[in-house]
Amino acid sequence: MGQVAFDTQEFVETLESAGLPKDQAKAISIAVRKSHEVTDVATKRDLEDVRKDLTIQIADVRKDMDARFEKTEAQISLVRKDLQLEMAGIRSEQKLIRWMLGFGVIGILSLVVKAFVMPAL
């Protein structure tokens, strides 16, 4: 992060014009400058750089999410088609079983009729 600009000479002159002796003004100026050096202060430019970086990263994440959503939607579509094909096969098998049961019931009924009704005639 950038350092905040601090003009020690101007600061000393301001303190002297306020009535402080030159030695005291210099000592205060040095102490303030050192405190600024120790403190890692974010400047407006630093914040703007971070904002730009975050904006780029967020855009990248959005692109990645969009790509993943498209891939997931494609996979869901494939699963749906497979399921529809499977269900169509099951429906066909159900129809076949119904027909077979129908013929079986008709066959049994014809045997019952033949066994009980026909001998009486």
PDB file of N, CA and C in Angstrom:
ATOM      1  N   MET A   1       0.844  -1.161   0.000  1.00  0.00           N
ATOM      2  CA  MET A   1       0.000   0.000   0.000  1.00  0.00           C
ATOM      3  C   MET A   1       0.897   1.234   0.000  1.00  0.00           C
ATOM      4  N   GLY A   2       0.404   2.289  -0.587  1.00  0.00           N
ATOM      5  CA  GLY A   2       1.173   3.514  -0.685  1.00  0.00           C
ATOM      6  C   GLY A   2       1.230   4.271   0.626  1.00  0.00           C
ATOM      7  N   GLN A   3       2.247   5.094   0.713  1.00  0.00           N
ATOM      8  CA  GLN A   3       2.407   5.919   1.917  1.00  0.00           C
ATOM      9  C   GLN A   3       1.667   7.239   1.726  1.00  0.00           C
ATOM     10  N   VAL A   4       1.127   7.737   2.804  1.00  0.00           N
ATOM     11  CA  VAL A   4       0.481   9.044   2.773  1.00  0.00           C
ATOM     12  C   VAL A   4       1.587  10.098   2.748  1.00  0.00           C
ATOM     13  N   ALA A   5       1.469  11.061   1.827  1.00  0.00           N
ATOM     14  CA  ALA A   5       2.489  12.108   1.719  1.00  0.00           C
ATOM     15  C   ALA A   5       2.432  13.000   2.962  1.00  0.00           C
ATOM     16  N   PHE A   6       3.613  13.224   3.534  1.00  0.00           N
ATOM     17  CA  PHE A   6       3.690  14.059   4.740  1.00  0.00           C
ATOM     18  C   PHE A   6       4.871  15.001   4.576  1.00  0.00           C
ATOM     19  N   ASP A   7       4.574  16.275   4.493  1.00  0.00           N
ATOM     20  CA  ASP A   7       5.605  17.301   4.315  1.00  0.00           C
ATOM     21  C   ASP A   7       6.081  17.750   5.696  1.00  0.00           C
ATOM     22  N   THR A   8       7.262  17.231   6.104  1.00  0.00           N
ATOM     23  CA  THR A   8       7.773  17.541   7.448  1.00  0.00           C
ATOM     24  C   THR A   8       8.154  19.011   7.573  1.00  0.00           C
ATOM     25  N   GLN A   9       8.716  19.584   6.507  1.00  0.00           N
ATOM     26  CA  GLN A   9       9.130  20.992   6.567  1.00  0.00           C
ATOM     27  C   GLN A   9       7.919  21.903   6.791  1.00  0.00           C
ATOM     28  N   GLU A  10       6.864  21.653   6.055  1.00  0.00           N
ATOM     29  CA  GLU A  10       5.652  22.467   6.214  1.00  0.00           C
ATOM     30  C   GLU A  10       5.069  22.289   7.620  1.00  0.00           C
ATOM     31  N   PHE A  11       5.136  21.055   8.132  1.00  0.00           N
ATOM     32  CA  PHE A  11       4.609  20.777   9.465  1.00  0.00           C
ATOM     33  C   PHE A  11       5.409  21.538  10.528  1.00  0.00           C
ATOM     34  N   VAL A  12       6.750  21.522  10.379  1.00  0.00           N
ATOM     35  CA  VAL A  12       7.620  22.252  11.319  1.00  0.00           C
ATOM     36  C   VAL A  12       7.295  23.744  11.269  1.00  0.00           C
ATOM     37  N   GLU A  13       7.150  24.276  10.063  1.00  0.00           N
ATOM     38  CA  GLU A  13       6.851  25.707   9.914  1.00  0.00           C
ATOM     39  C   GLU A  13       5.500  26.054  10.540  1.00  0.00           C
ATOM     40  N   THR A  14       4.524  25.164  10.398  1.00  0.00           N
ATOM     41  CA  THR A  14       3.201  25.397  10.999  1.00  0.00           C
ATOM     42  C   THR A  14       3.300  25.432  12.510  1.00  0.00           C
ATOM     43  N   LEU A  15       4.074  24.499  13.072  1.00  0.00           N
ATOM     44  CA  LEU A  15       4.236  24.466  14.530  1.00  0.00           C
ATOM     45  C   LEU A  15       4.997  25.697  15.024  1.00  0.00           C
ATOM     46  N   GLU A  16       6.026  26.117  14.272  1.00  0.00           N
ATOM     47  CA  GLU A  16       6.799  27.306  14.664  1.00  0.00           C
ATOM     48  C   GLU A  16       5.922  28.553  14.614  1.00  0.00           C
ATOM     49  N   SER A  17       5.077  28.640  13.580  1.00  0.00           N
ATOM     50  CA  SER A  17       4.216  29.826  13.475  1.00  0.00           C
ATOM     51  C   SER A  17       3.161  29.838  14.577  1.00  0.00           C
ATOM     52  N   ALA A  18       2.896  28.652  15.166  1.00  0.00           N
ATOM     53  CA  ALA A  18       1.954  28.575  16.290  1.00  0.00           C
ATOM     54  C   ALA A  18       2.643  28.905  17.601  1.00  0.00           C
ATOM     55  N   GLY A  19       3.979  29.107  17.559  1.00  0.00           N
ATOM     56  CA  GLY A  19       4.687  29.535  18.763  1.00  0.00           C
ATOM     57  C   GLY A  19       5.576  28.481  19.391  1.00  0.00           C
ATOM     58  N   LEU A  20       5.712  27.314  18.797  1.00  0.00           N
ATOM     59  CA  LEU A  20       6.603  26.293  19.368  1.00  0.00           C
ATOM     60  C   LEU A  20       8.047  26.577  18.964  1.00  0.00           C
ATOM     61  N   PRO A  21       8.996  26.265  19.850  1.00  0.00           N
ATOM     62  CA  PRO A  21      10.404  26.417  19.480  1.00  0.00           C
ATOM     63  C   PRO A  21      10.760  25.448  18.347  1.00  0.00           C
ATOM     64  N   LYS A  22      11.780  25.823  17.562  1.00  0.00           N
ATOM     65  CA  LYS A  22      12.168  25.043  16.388  1.00  0.00           C
ATOM     66  C   LYS A  22      12.526  23.612  16.764  1.00  0.00           C
ATOM     67  N   ASP A  23      13.277  23.381  17.845  1.00  0.00           N
ATOM     68  CA  ASP A  23      13.667  22.021  18.249  1.00  0.00           C
ATOM     69  C   ASP A  23      12.441  21.165  18.574  1.00  0.00           C
ATOM     70  N   GLN A  24      11.508  21.758  19.282  1.00  0.00           N
ATOM     71  CA  GLN A  24      10.284  21.021  19.631  1.00  0.00           C
ATOM     72  C   GLN A  24       9.473  20.706  18.368  1.00  0.00           C
ATOM     73  N   ALA A  25       9.369  21.662  17.480  1.00  0.00           N
ATOM     74  CA  ALA A  25       8.613  21.472  16.240  1.00  0.00           C
ATOM     75  C   ALA A  25       9.229  20.349  15.411  1.00  0.00           C
ATOM     76  N   LYS A  26      10.597  20.327  15.335  1.00  0.00           N
ATOM     77  CA  LYS A  26      11.279  19.257  14.592  1.00  0.00           C
ATOM     78  C   LYS A  26      11.028  17.902  15.238  1.00  0.00           C
ATOM     79  N   ALA A  27      11.103  17.846  16.568  1.00  0.00           N
ATOM     80  CA  ALA A  27      10.896  16.581  17.280  1.00  0.00           C
ATOM     81  C   ALA A  27       9.476  16.056  17.043  1.00  0.00           C
ATOM     82  N   ILE A  28       8.506  16.933  17.126  1.00  0.00           N
ATOM     83  CA  ILE A  28       7.116  16.520  16.883  1.00  0.00           C
ATOM     84  C   ILE A  28       6.952  16.059  15.434  1.00  0.00           C
ATOM     85  N   SER A  29       7.564  16.786  14.510  1.00  0.00           N
ATOM     86  CA  SER A  29       7.479  16.440  13.091  1.00  0.00           C
ATOM     87  C   SER A  29       8.066  15.053  12.827  1.00  0.00           C
ATOM     88  N   ILE A  30       9.219  14.773  13.433  1.00  0.00           N
ATOM     89  CA  ILE A  30       9.856  13.457  13.267  1.00  0.00           C
ATOM     90  C   ILE A  30       8.972  12.360  13.853  1.00  0.00           C
ATOM     91  N   ALA A  31       8.386  12.599  15.012  1.00  0.00           N
ATOM     92  CA  ALA A  31       7.515  11.601  15.648  1.00  0.00           C
ATOM     93  C   ALA A  31       6.285  11.313  14.778  1.00  0.00           C
ATOM     94  N   VAL A  32       5.707  12.357  14.228  1.00  0.00           N
ATOM     95  CA  VAL A  32       4.527  12.173  13.369  1.00  0.00           C
ATOM     96  C   VAL A  32       4.912  11.418  12.102  1.00  0.00           C
ATOM     97  N   ARG A  33       6.058  11.791  11.496  1.00  0.00           N
ATOM     98  CA  ARG A  33       6.508  11.105  10.287  1.00  0.00           C
ATOM     99  C   ARG A  33       6.737   9.627  10.549  1.00  0.00           C
ATOM    100  N   LYS A  34       7.383   9.307  11.675  1.00  0.00           N
ATOM    101  CA  LYS A  34       7.628   7.904  12.013  1.00  0.00           C
ATOM    102  C   LYS A  34       6.318   7.148  12.240  1.00  0.00           C
ATOM    103  N   SER A  35       5.351   7.807  12.842  1.00  0.00           N
ATOM    104  CA  SER A  35       4.063   7.133  13.057  1.00  0.00           C
ATOM    105  C   SER A  35       3.380   6.844  11.718  1.00  0.00           C
ATOM    106  N   HIS A  36       3.573   7.723  10.756  1.00  0.00           N
ATOM    107  CA  HIS A  36       3.016   7.479   9.420  1.00  0.00           C
ATOM    108  C   HIS A  36       3.754   6.345   8.724  1.00  0.00           C
ATOM    109  N   GLU A  37       5.043   6.234   8.954  1.00  0.00           N
ATOM    110  CA  GLU A  37       5.816   5.163   8.330  1.00  0.00           C
ATOM    111  C   GLU A  37       5.415   3.804   8.891  1.00  0.00           C
ATOM    112  N   VAL A  38       5.130   3.765  10.173  1.00  0.00           N
ATOM    113  CA  VAL A  38       4.756   2.508  10.824  1.00  0.00           C
ATOM    114  C   VAL A  38       3.351   2.090  10.406  1.00  0.00           C
ATOM    115  N   THR A  39       2.462   3.053  10.305  1.00  0.00           N
ATOM    116  CA  THR A  39       1.074   2.758   9.971  1.00  0.00           C
ATOM    117  C   THR A  39       0.955   2.506   8.477  1.00  0.00           C
ATOM    118  N   ASP A  40       0.378   1.376   8.144  1.00  0.00           N
ATOM    119  CA  ASP A  40       0.160   1.033   6.742  1.00  0.00           C
ATOM    120  C   ASP A  40      -1.245   1.489   6.374  1.00  0.00           C
ATOM    121  N   VAL A  41      -1.339   2.695   5.858  1.00  0.00           N
ATOM    122  CA  VAL A  41      -2.624   3.314   5.571  1.00  0.00           C
ATOM    123  C   VAL A  41      -2.954   3.126   4.092  1.00  0.00           C
ATOM    124  N   ALA A  42      -4.183   2.730   3.833  1.00  0.00           N
ATOM    125  CA  ALA A  42      -4.623   2.570   2.452  1.00  0.00           C
ATOM    126  C   ALA A  42      -4.998   3.936   1.884  1.00  0.00           C
ATOM    127  N   THR A  43      -4.475   4.198   0.703  1.00  0.00           N
ATOM    128  CA  THR A  43      -4.817   5.445   0.029  1.00  0.00           C
ATOM    129  C   THR A  43      -6.041   5.216  -0.853  1.00  0.00           C
ATOM    130  N   LYS A  44      -6.576   6.303  -1.392  1.00  0.00           N
ATOM    131  CA  LYS A  44      -7.714   6.173  -2.304  1.00  0.00           C
ATOM    132  C   LYS A  44      -7.326   5.323  -3.513  1.00  0.00           C
ATOM    133  N   ARG A  45      -6.102   5.506  -3.970  1.00  0.00           N
ATOM    134  CA  ARG A  45      -5.640   4.723  -5.122  1.00  0.00           C
ATOM    135  C   ARG A  45      -5.563   3.238  -4.761  1.00  0.00           C
ATOM    136  N   ASP A  46      -5.061   2.942  -3.549  1.00  0.00           N
ATOM    137  CA  ASP A  46      -5.009   1.546  -3.098  1.00  0.00           C
ATOM    138  C   ASP A  46      -6.411   0.938  -3.083  1.00  0.00           C
ATOM    139  N   LEU A  47      -7.359   1.686  -2.546  1.00  0.00           N
ATOM    140  CA  LEU A  47      -8.737   1.189  -2.481  1.00  0.00           C
ATOM    141  C   LEU A  47      -9.322   1.002  -3.875  1.00  0.00           C
ATOM    142  N   GLU A  48      -9.013   1.913  -4.776  1.00  0.00           N
ATOM    143  CA  GLU A  48      -9.496   1.797  -6.154  1.00  0.00           C
ATOM    144  C   GLU A  48      -8.890   0.568  -6.832  1.00  0.00           C
ATOM    145  N   ASP A  49      -7.589   0.327  -6.597  1.00  0.00           N
ATOM    146  CA  ASP A  49      -6.937  -0.862  -7.160  1.00  0.00           C
ATOM    147  C   ASP A  49      -7.585  -2.142  -6.639  1.00  0.00           C
ATOM    148  N   VAL A  50      -7.861  -2.171  -5.349  1.00  0.00           N
ATOM    149  CA  VAL A  50      -8.509  -3.348  -4.756  1.00  0.00           C
ATOM    150  C   VAL A  50      -9.905  -3.524  -5.344  1.00  0.00           C
ATOM    151  N   ARG A  51     -10.620  -2.416  -5.501  1.00  0.00           N
ATOM    152  CA  ARG A  51     -11.968  -2.485  -6.079  1.00  0.00           C
ATOM    153  C   ARG A  51     -11.925  -3.054  -7.497  1.00  0.00           C
ATOM    154  N   LYS A  52     -10.954  -2.586  -8.299  1.00  0.00           N
ATOM    155  CA  LYS A  52     -10.818  -3.094  -9.664  1.00  0.00           C
ATOM    156  C   LYS A  52     -10.496  -4.586  -9.658  1.00  0.00           C
ATOM    157  N   ASP A  53      -9.566  -4.990  -8.791  1.00  0.00           N
ATOM    158  CA  ASP A  53      -9.210  -6.409  -8.691  1.00  0.00           C
ATOM    159  C   ASP A  53     -10.420  -7.252  -8.301  1.00  0.00           C
ATOM    160  N   LEU A  54     -11.173  -6.781  -7.327  1.00  0.00           N
ATOM    161  CA  LEU A  54     -12.359  -7.527  -6.885  1.00  0.00           C
ATOM    162  C   LEU A  54     -13.417  -7.593  -7.981  1.00  0.00           C
ATOM    163  N   THR A  55     -13.573  -6.503  -8.717  1.00  0.00           N
ATOM    164  CA  THR A  55     -14.539  -6.489  -9.813  1.00  0.00           C
ATOM    165  C   THR A  55     -14.166  -7.532 -10.860  1.00  0.00           C
ATOM    166  N   ILE A  56     -12.885  -7.613 -11.180  1.00  0.00           N
ATOM    167  CA  ILE A  56     -12.411  -8.601 -12.151  1.00  0.00           C
ATOM    168  C   ILE A  56     -12.626 -10.011 -11.617  1.00  0.00           C
ATOM    169  N   GLN A  57     -12.281 -10.229 -10.352  1.00  0.00           N
ATOM    170  CA  GLN A  57     -12.455 -11.558  -9.765  1.00  0.00           C
ATOM    171  C   GLN A  57     -13.925 -11.961  -9.717  1.00  0.00           C
ATOM    172  N   ILE A  58     -14.790 -11.032  -9.381  1.00  0.00           N
ATOM    173  CA  ILE A  58     -16.230 -11.330  -9.339  1.00  0.00           C
ATOM    174  C   ILE A  58     -16.731 -11.672 -10.739  1.00  0.00           C
ATOM    175  N   ALA A  59     -16.267 -10.940 -11.743  1.00  0.00           N
ATOM    176  CA  ALA A  59     -16.668 -11.232 -13.122  1.00  0.00           C
ATOM    177  C   ALA A  59     -16.204 -12.629 -13.528  1.00  0.00           C
ATOM    178  N   ASP A  60     -14.978 -12.994 -13.131  1.00  0.00           N
ATOM    179  CA  ASP A  60     -14.471 -14.334 -13.435  1.00  0.00           C
ATOM    180  C   ASP A  60     -15.308 -15.413 -12.756  1.00  0.00           C
ATOM    181  N   VAL A  61     -15.673 -15.174 -11.513  1.00  0.00           N
ATOM    182  CA  VAL A  61     -16.503 -16.146 -10.783  1.00  0.00           C
ATOM    183  C   VAL A  61     -17.865 -16.279 -11.461  1.00  0.00           C
ATOM    184  N   ARG A  62     -18.427 -15.161 -11.896  1.00  0.00           N
ATOM    185  CA  ARG A  62     -19.728 -15.215 -12.581  1.00  0.00           C
ATOM    186  C   ARG A  62     -19.633 -16.017 -13.871  1.00  0.00           C
ATOM    187  N   LYS A  63     -18.558 -15.800 -14.636  1.00  0.00           N
ATOM    188  CA  LYS A  63     -18.381 -16.560 -15.875  1.00  0.00           C
ATOM    189  C   LYS A  63     -18.273 -18.045 -15.567  1.00  0.00           C
ATOM    190  N   ASP A  64     -17.503 -18.376 -14.544  1.00  0.00           N
ATOM    191  CA  ASP A  64     -17.340 -19.775 -14.150  1.00  0.00           C
ATOM    192  C   ASP A  64     -18.677 -20.371 -13.718  1.00  0.00           C
ATOM    193  N   MET A  65     -19.439 -19.610 -12.938  1.00  0.00           N
ATOM    194  CA  MET A  65     -20.747 -20.103 -12.487  1.00  0.00           C
ATOM    195  C   MET A  65     -21.694 -20.296 -13.670  1.00  0.00           C
ATOM    196  N   ASP A  66     -21.691 -19.353 -14.605  1.00  0.00           N
ATOM    197  CA  ASP A  66     -22.550 -19.482 -15.783  1.00  0.00           C
ATOM    198  C   ASP A  66     -22.189 -20.728 -16.579  1.00  0.00           C
ATOM    199  N   ALA A  67     -20.891 -20.969 -16.753  1.00  0.00           N
ATOM    200  CA  ALA A  67     -20.449 -22.158 -17.487  1.00  0.00           C
ATOM    201  C   ALA A  67     -20.878 -23.431 -16.758  1.00  0.00           C
ATOM    202  N   ARG A  68     -20.736 -23.444 -15.450  1.00  0.00           N
ATOM    203  CA  ARG A  68     -21.140 -24.626 -14.681  1.00  0.00           C
ATOM    204  C   ARG A  68     -22.647 -24.835 -14.741  1.00  0.00           C
ATOM    205  N   PHE A  69     -23.409 -23.737 -14.666  1.00  0.00           N
ATOM    206  CA  PHE A  69     -24.869 -23.863 -14.756  1.00  0.00           C
ATOM    207  C   PHE A  69     -25.276 -24.429 -16.117  1.00  0.00           C
ATOM    208  N   GLU A  70     -24.638 -23.945 -17.183  1.00  0.00           N
ATOM    209  CA  GLU A  70     -24.947 -24.463 -18.518  1.00  0.00           C
ATOM    210  C   GLU A  70     -24.625 -25.948 -18.600  1.00  0.00           C
ATOM    211  N   LYS A  71     -23.486 -26.337 -18.052  1.00  0.00           N
ATOM    212  CA  LYS A  71     -23.097 -27.749 -18.067  1.00  0.00           C
ATOM    213  C   LYS A  71     -24.100 -28.581 -17.266  1.00  0.00           C
ATOM    214  N   THR A  72     -24.501 -28.082 -16.108  1.00  0.00           N
ATOM    215  CA  THR A  72     -25.463 -28.802 -15.273  1.00  0.00           C
ATOM    216  C   THR A  72     -26.809 -28.914 -15.982  1.00  0.00           C
ATOM    217  N   GLU A  73     -27.246 -27.837 -16.618  1.00  0.00           N
ATOM    218  CA  GLU A  73     -28.510 -27.871 -17.351  1.00  0.00           C
ATOM    219  C   GLU A  73     -28.449 -28.880 -18.489  1.00  0.00           C
ATOM    220  N   ALA A  74     -27.316 -28.965 -19.178  1.00  0.00           N
ATOM    221  CA  ALA A  74     -27.156 -29.942 -20.256  1.00  0.00           C
ATOM    222  C   ALA A  74     -27.219 -31.365 -19.699  1.00  0.00           C
ATOM    223  N   GLN A  75     -26.576 -31.591 -18.554  1.00  0.00           N
ATOM    224  CA  GLN A  75     -26.616 -32.915 -17.937  1.00  0.00           C
ATOM    225  C   GLN A  75     -28.034 -33.271 -17.504  1.00  0.00           C
ATOM    226  N   ILE A  76     -28.748 -32.322 -16.941  1.00  0.00           N
ATOM    227  CA  ILE A  76     -30.135 -32.567 -16.527  1.00  0.00           C
ATOM    228  C   ILE A  76     -30.990 -32.896 -17.749  1.00  0.00           C
ATOM    229  N   SER A  77     -30.761 -32.192 -18.837  1.00  0.00           N
ATOM    230  CA  SER A  77     -31.508 -32.451 -20.065  1.00  0.00           C
ATOM    231  C   SER A  77     -31.256 -33.874 -20.562  1.00  0.00           C
ATOM    232  N   LEU A  78     -29.998 -34.314 -20.516  1.00  0.00           N
ATOM    233  CA  LEU A  78     -29.676 -35.688 -20.935  1.00  0.00           C
ATOM    234  C   LEU A  78     -30.344 -36.714 -20.027  1.00  0.00           C
ATOM    235  N   VAL A  79     -30.315 -36.474 -18.740  1.00  0.00           N
ATOM    236  CA  VAL A  79     -30.954 -37.393 -17.795  1.00  0.00           C
ATOM    237  C   VAL A  79     -32.458 -37.435 -18.055  1.00  0.00           C
ATOM    238  N   ARG A  80     -33.045 -36.287 -18.328  1.00  0.00           N
ATOM    239  CA  ARG A  80     -34.485 -36.220 -18.606  1.00  0.00           C
ATOM    240  C   ARG A  80     -34.825 -37.041 -19.855  1.00  0.00           C
ATOM    241  N   LYS A  81     -34.013 -36.909 -20.909  1.00  0.00           N
ATOM    242  CA  LYS A  81     -34.256 -37.681 -22.134  1.00  0.00           C
ATOM    243  C   LYS A  81     -34.122 -39.174 -21.872  1.00  0.00           C
ATOM    244  N   ASP A  82     -33.082 -39.555 -21.125  1.00  0.00           N
ATOM    245  CA  ASP A  82     -32.906 -40.973 -20.786  1.00  0.00           C
ATOM    246  C   ASP A  82     -34.102 -41.492 -20.001  1.00  0.00           C
ATOM    247  N   LEU A  83     -34.575 -40.706 -19.071  1.00  0.00           N
ATOM    248  CA  LEU A  83     -35.718 -41.103 -18.249  1.00  0.00           C
ATOM    249  C   LEU A  83     -36.978 -41.238 -19.102  1.00  0.00           C
ATOM    250  N   GLN A  84     -37.171 -40.329 -20.041  1.00  0.00           N
ATOM    251  CA  GLN A  84     -38.333 -40.415 -20.923  1.00  0.00           C
ATOM    252  C   GLN A  84     -38.281 -41.683 -21.771  1.00  0.00           C
ATOM    253  N   LEU A  85     -37.095 -42.018 -22.285  1.00  0.00           N
ATOM    254  CA  LEU A  85     -36.953 -43.247 -23.068  1.00  0.00           C
ATOM    255  C   LEU A  85     -37.235 -44.476 -22.212  1.00  0.00           C
ATOM    256  N   GLU A  86     -36.724 -44.458 -21.007  1.00  0.00           N
ATOM    257  CA  GLU A  86     -36.939 -45.572 -20.091  1.00  0.00           C
ATOM    258  C   GLU A  86     -38.422 -45.720 -19.753  1.00  0.00           C
ATOM    259  N   MET A  87     -39.078 -44.600 -19.508  1.00  0.00           N
ATOM    260  CA  MET A  87     -40.509 -44.629 -19.190  1.00  0.00           C
ATOM    261  C   MET A  87     -41.322 -45.135 -20.384  1.00  0.00           C
ATOM    262  N   ALA A  88     -40.933 -44.760 -21.595  1.00  0.00           N
ATOM    263  CA  ALA A  88     -41.629 -45.245 -22.788  1.00  0.00           C
ATOM    264  C   ALA A  88     -41.495 -46.762 -22.888  1.00  0.00           C
ATOM    265  N   GLY A  89     -40.308 -47.277 -22.588  1.00  0.00           N
ATOM    266  CA  GLY A  89     -40.104 -48.731 -22.593  1.00  0.00           C
ATOM    267  C   GLY A  89     -40.963 -49.421 -21.548  1.00  0.00           C
ATOM    268  N   ILE A  90     -41.054 -48.825 -20.374  1.00  0.00           N
ATOM    269  CA  ILE A  90     -41.870 -49.400 -19.293  1.00  0.00           C
ATOM    270  C   ILE A  90     -43.347 -49.391 -19.695  1.00  0.00           C
ATOM    271  N   ARG A  91     -43.800 -48.331 -20.334  1.00  0.00           N
ATOM    272  CA  ARG A  91     -45.204 -48.266 -20.779  1.00  0.00           C
ATOM    273  C   ARG A  91     -45.491 -49.363 -21.802  1.00  0.00           C
ATOM    274  N   SER A  92     -44.542 -49.576 -22.709  1.00  0.00           N
ATOM    275  CA  SER A  92     -44.717 -50.643 -23.706  1.00  0.00           C
ATOM    276  C   SER A  92     -44.811 -52.002 -23.025  1.00  0.00           C
ATOM    277  N   GLU A  93     -43.948 -52.226 -22.046  1.00  0.00           N
ATOM    278  CA  GLU A  93     -43.979 -53.496 -21.316  1.00  0.00           C
ATOM    279  C   GLU A  93     -45.300 -53.656 -20.568  1.00  0.00           C
ATOM    280  N   GLN A  94     -45.798 -52.556 -19.995  1.00  0.00           N
ATOM    281  CA  GLN A  94     -47.085 -52.615 -19.283  1.00  0.00           C
ATOM    282  C   GLN A  94     -48.220 -52.995 -20.233  1.00  0.00           C
ATOM    283  N   LYS A  95     -48.229 -52.427 -21.429  1.00  0.00           N
ATOM    284  CA  LYS A  95     -49.266 -52.758 -22.409  1.00  0.00           C
ATOM    285  C   LYS A  95     -49.189 -54.234 -22.784  1.00  0.00           C
ATOM    286  N   LEU A  96     -47.975 -54.721 -22.982  1.00  0.00           N
ATOM    287  CA  LEU A  96     -47.795 -56.130 -23.334  1.00  0.00           C
ATOM    288  C   LEU A  96     -48.306 -57.030 -22.211  1.00  0.00           C
ATOM    289  N   ILE A  97     -47.974 -56.669 -20.977  1.00  0.00           N
ATOM    290  CA  ILE A  97     -48.424 -57.464 -19.825  1.00  0.00           C
ATOM    291  C   ILE A  97     -49.951 -57.437 -19.732  1.00  0.00           C
ATOM    292  N   ARG A  98     -50.569 -56.285 -19.973  1.00  0.00           N
ATOM    293  CA  ARG A  98     -52.039 -56.196 -19.945  1.00  0.00           C
ATOM    294  C   ARG A  98     -52.663 -57.126 -20.995  1.00  0.00           C
ATOM    295  N   TRP A  99     -52.102 -57.101 -22.190  1.00  0.00           N
ATOM    296  CA  TRP A  99     -52.625 -57.973 -23.242  1.00  0.00           C
ATOM    297  C   TRP A  99     -52.457 -59.440 -22.865  1.00  0.00           C
ATOM    298  N   MET A 100     -51.281 -59.747 -22.333  1.00  0.00           N
ATOM    299  CA  MET A 100     -51.035 -61.144 -21.942  1.00  0.00           C
ATOM    300  C   MET A 100     -52.000 -61.570 -20.840  1.00  0.00           C
ATOM    301  N   LEU A 101     -52.219 -60.705 -19.843  1.00  0.00           N
ATOM    302  CA  LEU A 101     -53.163 -61.022 -18.768  1.00  0.00           C
ATOM    303  C   LEU A 101     -54.581 -61.152 -19.321  1.00  0.00           C
ATOM    304  N   GLY A 102     -54.920 -60.274 -20.252  1.00  0.00           N
ATOM    305  CA  GLY A 102     -56.249 -60.344 -20.877  1.00  0.00           C
ATOM    306  C   GLY A 102     -56.459 -61.672 -21.580  1.00  0.00           C
ATOM    307  N   PHE A 103     -55.466 -62.105 -22.354  1.00  0.00           N
ATOM    308  CA  PHE A 103     -55.573 -63.395 -23.046  1.00  0.00           C
ATOM    309  C   PHE A 103     -55.596 -64.543 -22.048  1.00  0.00           C
ATOM    310  N   GLY A 104     -54.809 -64.393 -20.969  1.00  0.00           N
ATOM    311  CA  GLY A 104     -54.807 -65.437 -19.927  1.00  0.00           C
ATOM    312  C   GLY A 104     -56.171 -65.555 -19.272  1.00  0.00           C
ATOM    313  N   VAL A 105     -56.784 -64.416 -18.939  1.00  0.00           N
ATOM    314  CA  VAL A 105     -58.116 -64.421 -18.318  1.00  0.00           C
ATOM    315  C   VAL A 105     -59.134 -65.012 -19.291  1.00  0.00           C
ATOM    316  N   ILE A 106     -59.069 -64.630 -20.545  1.00  0.00           N
ATOM    317  CA  ILE A 106     -59.991 -65.177 -21.553  1.00  0.00           C
ATOM    318  C   ILE A 106     -59.800 -66.682 -21.678  1.00  0.00           C
ATOM    319  N   GLY A 107     -58.542 -67.117 -21.681  1.00  0.00           N
ATOM    320  CA  GLY A 107     -58.263 -68.557 -21.766  1.00  0.00           C
ATOM    321  C   GLY A 107     -58.834 -69.310 -20.580  1.00  0.00           C
ATOM    322  N   ILE A 108     -58.640 -68.766 -19.382  1.00  0.00           N
ATOM    323  CA  ILE A 108     -59.158 -69.421 -18.169  1.00  0.00           C
ATOM    324  C   ILE A 108     -60.683 -69.434 -18.198  1.00  0.00           C
ATOM    325  N   LEU A 109     -61.291 -68.316 -18.578  1.00  0.00           N
ATOM    326  CA  LEU A 109     -62.755 -68.265 -18.662  1.00  0.00           C
ATOM    327  C   LEU A 109     -63.285 -69.262 -19.685  1.00  0.00           C
ATOM    328  N   SER A 110     -62.599 -69.377 -20.802  1.00  0.00           N
ATOM    329  CA  SER A 110     -63.051 -70.344 -21.813  1.00  0.00           C
ATOM    330  C   SER A 110     -62.934 -71.766 -21.289  1.00  0.00           C
ATOM    331  N   LEU A 111     -61.892 -72.064 -20.499  1.00  0.00           N
ATOM    332  CA  LEU A 111     -61.762 -73.402 -19.909  1.00  0.00           C
ATOM    333  C   LEU A 111     -62.862 -73.646 -18.879  1.00  0.00           C
ATOM    334  N   VAL A 112     -63.169 -72.619 -18.067  1.00  0.00           N
ATOM    335  CA  VAL A 112     -64.234 -72.754 -17.066  1.00  0.00           C
ATOM    336  C   VAL A 112     -65.571 -72.985 -17.763  1.00  0.00           C
ATOM    337  N   VAL A 113     -65.835 -72.206 -18.791  1.00  0.00           N
ATOM    338  CA  VAL A 113     -67.090 -72.375 -19.537  1.00  0.00           C
ATOM    339  C   VAL A 113     -67.138 -73.756 -20.161  1.00  0.00           C
ATOM    340  N   LYS A 114     -66.045 -74.183 -20.731  1.00  0.00           N
ATOM    341  CA  LYS A 114     -65.982 -75.488 -21.385  1.00  0.00           C
ATOM    342  C   LYS A 114     -66.179 -76.603 -20.371  1.00  0.00           C
ATOM    343  N   ALA A 115     -65.601 -76.438 -19.185  1.00  0.00           N
ATOM    344  CA  ALA A 115     -65.669 -77.495 -18.176  1.00  0.00           C
ATOM    345  C   ALA A 115     -67.027 -77.552 -17.500  1.00  0.00           C
ATOM    346  N   PHE A 116     -67.646 -76.406 -17.232  1.00  0.00           N
ATOM    347  CA  PHE A 116     -68.881 -76.420 -16.449  1.00  0.00           C
ATOM    348  C   PHE A 116     -70.138 -76.183 -17.286  1.00  0.00           C
ATOM    349  N   VAL A 117     -70.062 -75.399 -18.270  1.00  0.00           N
ATOM    350  CA  VAL A 117     -71.253 -75.062 -19.041  1.00  0.00           C
ATOM    351  C   VAL A 117     -71.434 -76.025 -20.200  1.00  0.00           C
ATOM    352  N   MET A 118     -70.414 -76.374 -20.894  1.00  0.00           N
ATOM    353  CA  MET A 118     -70.491 -77.208 -22.089  1.00  0.00           C
ATOM    354  C   MET A 118     -70.913 -78.648 -21.771  1.00  0.00           C
ATOM    355  N   PRO A 119     -70.456 -79.275 -20.684  1.00  0.00           N
ATOM    356  CA  PRO A 119     -70.866 -80.659 -20.449  1.00  0.00           C
ATOM    357  C   PRO A 119     -72.367 -80.764 -20.199  1.00  0.00           C
ATOM    358  N   ALA A 120     -72.946 -79.702 -19.694  1.00  0.00           N
ATOM    359  CA  ALA A 120     -74.377 -79.762 -19.424  1.00  0.00           C
ATOM    360  C   ALA A 120     -75.175 -79.727 -20.707  1.00  0.00           C
ATOM    361  N   LEU A 121     -74.627 -79.270 -21.763  1.00  0.00           N
ATOM    362  CA  LEU A 121     -75.364 -79.207 -23.023  1.00  0.00           C
ATOM    363  C   LEU A 121     -75.365 -80.496 -23.706  1.00  0.00           C
TER     364      LEU A 121
END
